[in-house]
């Protein structure tokens, strides 16, 4: 936000890139599955769900592991 306020939109877009990719991943398999999967990868909650929800796929879990590590989102 500070970059955009200062008129540096290139820097603002670059700073948002990590968030944009993570936000899209949060909704790949519906809400709240993505959020719960990300929190599980971060170790903040367990990996179990109550029906009718199901845990995120292994593909989504791997994506969050990579995104969280790459962008240091802990």
N, C-alpha and C. Protein backbone atom coordinates (compact mmCIF):
# COMPACT_ATOMS: atom_id res chain seq x y z
N UNK A 1 0.83 -1.19 0.00
CA UNK A 1 0.00 0.00 0.00
C UNK A 1 0.87 1.25 0.00
N UNK A 2 1.95 1.20 0.77
CA UNK A 2 2.83 2.37 0.82
C UNK A 2 3.48 2.66 -0.53
N UNK A 3 3.86 1.61 -1.26
CA UNK A 3 4.42 1.82 -2.60
C UNK A 3 3.39 2.48 -3.52
N UNK A 4 2.16 2.00 -3.47
CA UNK A 4 1.10 2.57 -4.32
C UNK A 4 0.82 4.02 -3.92
N UNK A 5 0.76 4.30 -2.63
CA UNK A 5 0.54 5.68 -2.18
C UNK A 5 1.63 6.62 -2.69
N UNK A 6 2.85 6.08 -2.77
CA UNK A 6 3.98 6.88 -3.24
C UNK A 6 4.04 6.95 -4.76
N UNK A 7 3.12 6.24 -5.44
CA UNK A 7 3.08 6.27 -6.89
C UNK A 7 4.03 5.27 -7.55
N UNK A 8 4.66 4.42 -6.77
CA UNK A 8 5.58 3.41 -7.31
C UNK A 8 4.80 2.12 -7.55
N UNK A 9 4.04 2.10 -8.63
CA UNK A 9 3.15 0.98 -8.90
C UNK A 9 3.88 -0.29 -9.31
N UNK A 10 5.06 -0.16 -9.90
CA UNK A 10 5.85 -1.34 -10.24
C UNK A 10 6.27 -2.07 -8.96
N UNK A 11 6.76 -1.33 -7.98
CA UNK A 11 7.16 -1.93 -6.70
C UNK A 11 5.95 -2.50 -5.97
N UNK A 12 4.82 -1.81 -6.05
CA UNK A 12 3.60 -2.30 -5.39
C UNK A 12 3.15 -3.62 -6.01
N UNK A 13 3.21 -3.71 -7.32
CA UNK A 13 2.81 -4.94 -8.00
C UNK A 13 3.75 -6.08 -7.63
N UNK A 14 5.03 -5.81 -7.57
CA UNK A 14 6.01 -6.83 -7.20
C UNK A 14 5.80 -7.29 -5.76
N UNK A 15 5.53 -6.38 -4.86
CA UNK A 15 5.30 -6.74 -3.45
C UNK A 15 4.03 -7.57 -3.30
N UNK A 16 3.04 -7.31 -4.13
CA UNK A 16 1.78 -8.04 -4.05
C UNK A 16 1.85 -9.42 -4.70
N UNK A 17 2.85 -9.67 -5.53
CA UNK A 17 2.93 -10.93 -6.27
C UNK A 17 2.84 -12.15 -5.36
N UNK A 18 3.53 -12.14 -4.25
CA UNK A 18 3.49 -13.27 -3.32
C UNK A 18 2.09 -13.46 -2.77
N UNK A 19 1.45 -12.40 -2.41
CA UNK A 19 0.09 -12.50 -1.87
C UNK A 19 -0.90 -12.95 -2.92
N UNK A 20 -0.76 -12.46 -4.14
CA UNK A 20 -1.68 -12.81 -5.21
C UNK A 20 -1.67 -14.32 -5.47
N UNK A 21 -0.48 -14.89 -5.57
CA UNK A 21 -0.36 -16.32 -5.83
C UNK A 21 -0.93 -17.13 -4.66
N UNK A 22 -0.66 -16.69 -3.44
CA UNK A 22 -1.17 -17.39 -2.26
C UNK A 22 -2.69 -17.27 -2.16
N UNK A 23 -3.23 -16.10 -2.45
CA UNK A 23 -4.68 -15.90 -2.39
C UNK A 23 -5.38 -16.79 -3.41
N UNK A 24 -4.86 -16.88 -4.60
CA UNK A 24 -5.46 -17.75 -5.61
C UNK A 24 -5.42 -19.21 -5.15
N UNK A 25 -4.32 -19.61 -4.53
CA UNK A 25 -4.21 -20.99 -4.03
C UNK A 25 -5.24 -21.26 -2.93
N UNK A 26 -5.54 -20.26 -2.12
CA UNK A 26 -6.50 -20.45 -1.03
C UNK A 26 -7.87 -20.88 -1.54
N UNK A 27 -8.23 -20.47 -2.74
CA UNK A 27 -9.57 -20.75 -3.24
C UNK A 27 -9.61 -21.79 -4.36
N UNK A 28 -8.49 -22.44 -4.63
CA UNK A 28 -8.44 -23.45 -5.69
C UNK A 28 -9.42 -24.59 -5.46
N UNK A 29 -9.56 -25.02 -4.22
CA UNK A 29 -10.42 -26.16 -3.92
C UNK A 29 -11.61 -25.74 -3.05
N UNK A 30 -11.93 -24.47 -3.11
CA UNK A 30 -13.09 -23.97 -2.37
C UNK A 30 -12.74 -23.48 -0.99
N UNK A 31 -13.66 -22.73 -0.44
CA UNK A 31 -13.49 -22.16 0.88
C UNK A 31 -14.28 -23.02 1.86
N UNK A 32 -13.77 -23.39 2.98
CA UNK A 32 -12.52 -23.04 3.65
C UNK A 32 -11.41 -24.07 3.49
N UNK A 33 -11.52 -24.99 2.54
CA UNK A 33 -10.53 -26.05 2.39
C UNK A 33 -9.12 -25.48 2.22
N UNK A 34 -8.95 -24.49 1.35
CA UNK A 34 -7.63 -23.91 1.12
C UNK A 34 -7.05 -23.26 2.35
N UNK A 35 -7.86 -22.50 3.06
CA UNK A 35 -7.40 -21.82 4.27
C UNK A 35 -6.96 -22.86 5.31
N UNK A 36 -7.77 -23.88 5.50
CA UNK A 36 -7.44 -24.91 6.48
C UNK A 36 -6.21 -25.71 6.06
N UNK A 37 -6.04 -25.94 4.77
CA UNK A 37 -4.87 -26.64 4.28
C UNK A 37 -3.61 -25.80 4.54
N UNK A 38 -3.67 -24.52 4.24
CA UNK A 38 -2.52 -23.63 4.48
C UNK A 38 -2.18 -23.59 5.96
N UNK A 39 -3.18 -23.45 6.82
CA UNK A 39 -2.93 -23.41 8.26
C UNK A 39 -2.34 -24.73 8.76
N UNK A 40 -2.76 -25.83 8.17
CA UNK A 40 -2.22 -27.13 8.53
C UNK A 40 -0.75 -27.23 8.14
N UNK A 41 -0.41 -26.78 6.93
CA UNK A 41 0.98 -26.79 6.47
C UNK A 41 1.84 -25.93 7.39
N UNK A 42 1.28 -24.85 7.88
CA UNK A 42 2.00 -23.95 8.78
C UNK A 42 2.09 -24.51 10.20
N UNK A 43 1.39 -25.61 10.46
CA UNK A 43 1.43 -26.22 11.79
C UNK A 43 0.53 -25.55 12.81
N UNK A 44 -0.40 -24.74 12.35
CA UNK A 44 -1.29 -24.02 13.27
C UNK A 44 -2.55 -24.79 13.63
N UNK A 45 -2.95 -25.73 12.77
CA UNK A 45 -4.10 -26.59 13.05
C UNK A 45 -3.77 -28.00 12.56
N UNK A 46 -4.59 -28.96 12.95
CA UNK A 46 -4.42 -30.33 12.48
C UNK A 46 -4.92 -30.49 11.06
N UNK A 47 -4.76 -31.69 10.53
CA UNK A 47 -5.13 -31.94 9.13
C UNK A 47 -6.44 -32.72 9.02
N UNK A 48 -7.28 -32.64 10.02
CA UNK A 48 -8.56 -33.35 9.96
C UNK A 48 -9.70 -32.37 9.76
N UNK A 49 -10.74 -32.84 9.11
CA UNK A 49 -11.91 -32.01 8.83
C UNK A 49 -13.16 -32.77 9.25
N UNK A 50 -14.18 -32.02 9.58
CA UNK A 50 -15.49 -32.63 9.83
C UNK A 50 -16.26 -32.62 8.52
N UNK A 51 -16.96 -33.71 8.28
CA UNK A 51 -17.79 -33.78 7.08
C UNK A 51 -18.84 -32.69 7.11
N UNK A 52 -19.18 -32.11 6.00
CA UNK A 52 -18.94 -32.54 4.63
C UNK A 52 -17.61 -32.05 4.05
N UNK A 53 -16.79 -31.34 4.82
CA UNK A 53 -15.51 -30.87 4.30
C UNK A 53 -14.52 -32.03 4.23
N UNK A 54 -13.60 -31.89 3.32
CA UNK A 54 -12.51 -32.86 3.20
C UNK A 54 -11.20 -32.08 3.19
N UNK A 55 -10.13 -32.75 3.53
CA UNK A 55 -8.81 -32.10 3.55
C UNK A 55 -8.41 -31.72 2.13
N UNK A 56 -7.54 -30.74 2.02
CA UNK A 56 -7.02 -30.34 0.71
C UNK A 56 -6.24 -31.47 0.07
N UNK A 57 -6.18 -31.46 -1.24
CA UNK A 57 -5.48 -32.52 -1.98
C UNK A 57 -3.98 -32.44 -1.71
N UNK A 58 -3.29 -33.51 -2.05
CA UNK A 58 -1.82 -33.53 -1.91
C UNK A 58 -1.19 -32.46 -2.81
N UNK A 59 -1.80 -32.24 -3.97
CA UNK A 59 -1.29 -31.21 -4.88
C UNK A 59 -1.39 -29.83 -4.24
N UNK A 60 -2.53 -29.53 -3.60
CA UNK A 60 -2.70 -28.24 -2.94
C UNK A 60 -1.75 -28.12 -1.76
N UNK A 61 -1.62 -29.19 -0.99
CA UNK A 61 -0.71 -29.18 0.16
C UNK A 61 0.73 -28.89 -0.29
N UNK A 62 1.16 -29.53 -1.37
CA UNK A 62 2.51 -29.30 -1.90
C UNK A 62 2.67 -27.85 -2.37
N UNK A 63 1.61 -27.31 -2.98
CA UNK A 63 1.66 -25.92 -3.44
C UNK A 63 1.84 -24.98 -2.25
N UNK A 64 1.10 -25.21 -1.16
CA UNK A 64 1.24 -24.36 0.01
C UNK A 64 2.61 -24.51 0.66
N UNK A 65 3.13 -25.73 0.70
CA UNK A 65 4.47 -25.92 1.25
C UNK A 65 5.48 -25.09 0.47
N UNK A 66 5.36 -25.09 -0.85
CA UNK A 66 6.28 -24.34 -1.70
C UNK A 66 6.08 -22.83 -1.54
N UNK A 67 4.84 -22.37 -1.57
CA UNK A 67 4.56 -20.93 -1.45
C UNK A 67 4.99 -20.38 -0.09
N UNK A 68 4.68 -21.11 0.96
CA UNK A 68 5.01 -20.65 2.31
C UNK A 68 6.53 -20.56 2.46
N UNK A 69 7.25 -21.53 1.93
CA UNK A 69 8.70 -21.50 2.00
C UNK A 69 9.29 -20.39 1.12
N UNK A 70 8.80 -20.29 -0.11
CA UNK A 70 9.37 -19.31 -1.06
C UNK A 70 9.17 -17.89 -0.60
N UNK A 71 7.99 -17.57 -0.10
CA UNK A 71 7.68 -16.20 0.28
C UNK A 71 7.77 -15.96 1.79
N UNK A 72 8.24 -16.94 2.54
CA UNK A 72 8.37 -16.82 3.99
C UNK A 72 7.07 -16.29 4.61
N UNK A 73 5.99 -17.01 4.36
CA UNK A 73 4.67 -16.56 4.81
C UNK A 73 4.30 -17.03 6.21
N UNK A 74 5.22 -17.60 6.93
CA UNK A 74 4.91 -18.02 8.30
C UNK A 74 4.75 -16.81 9.13
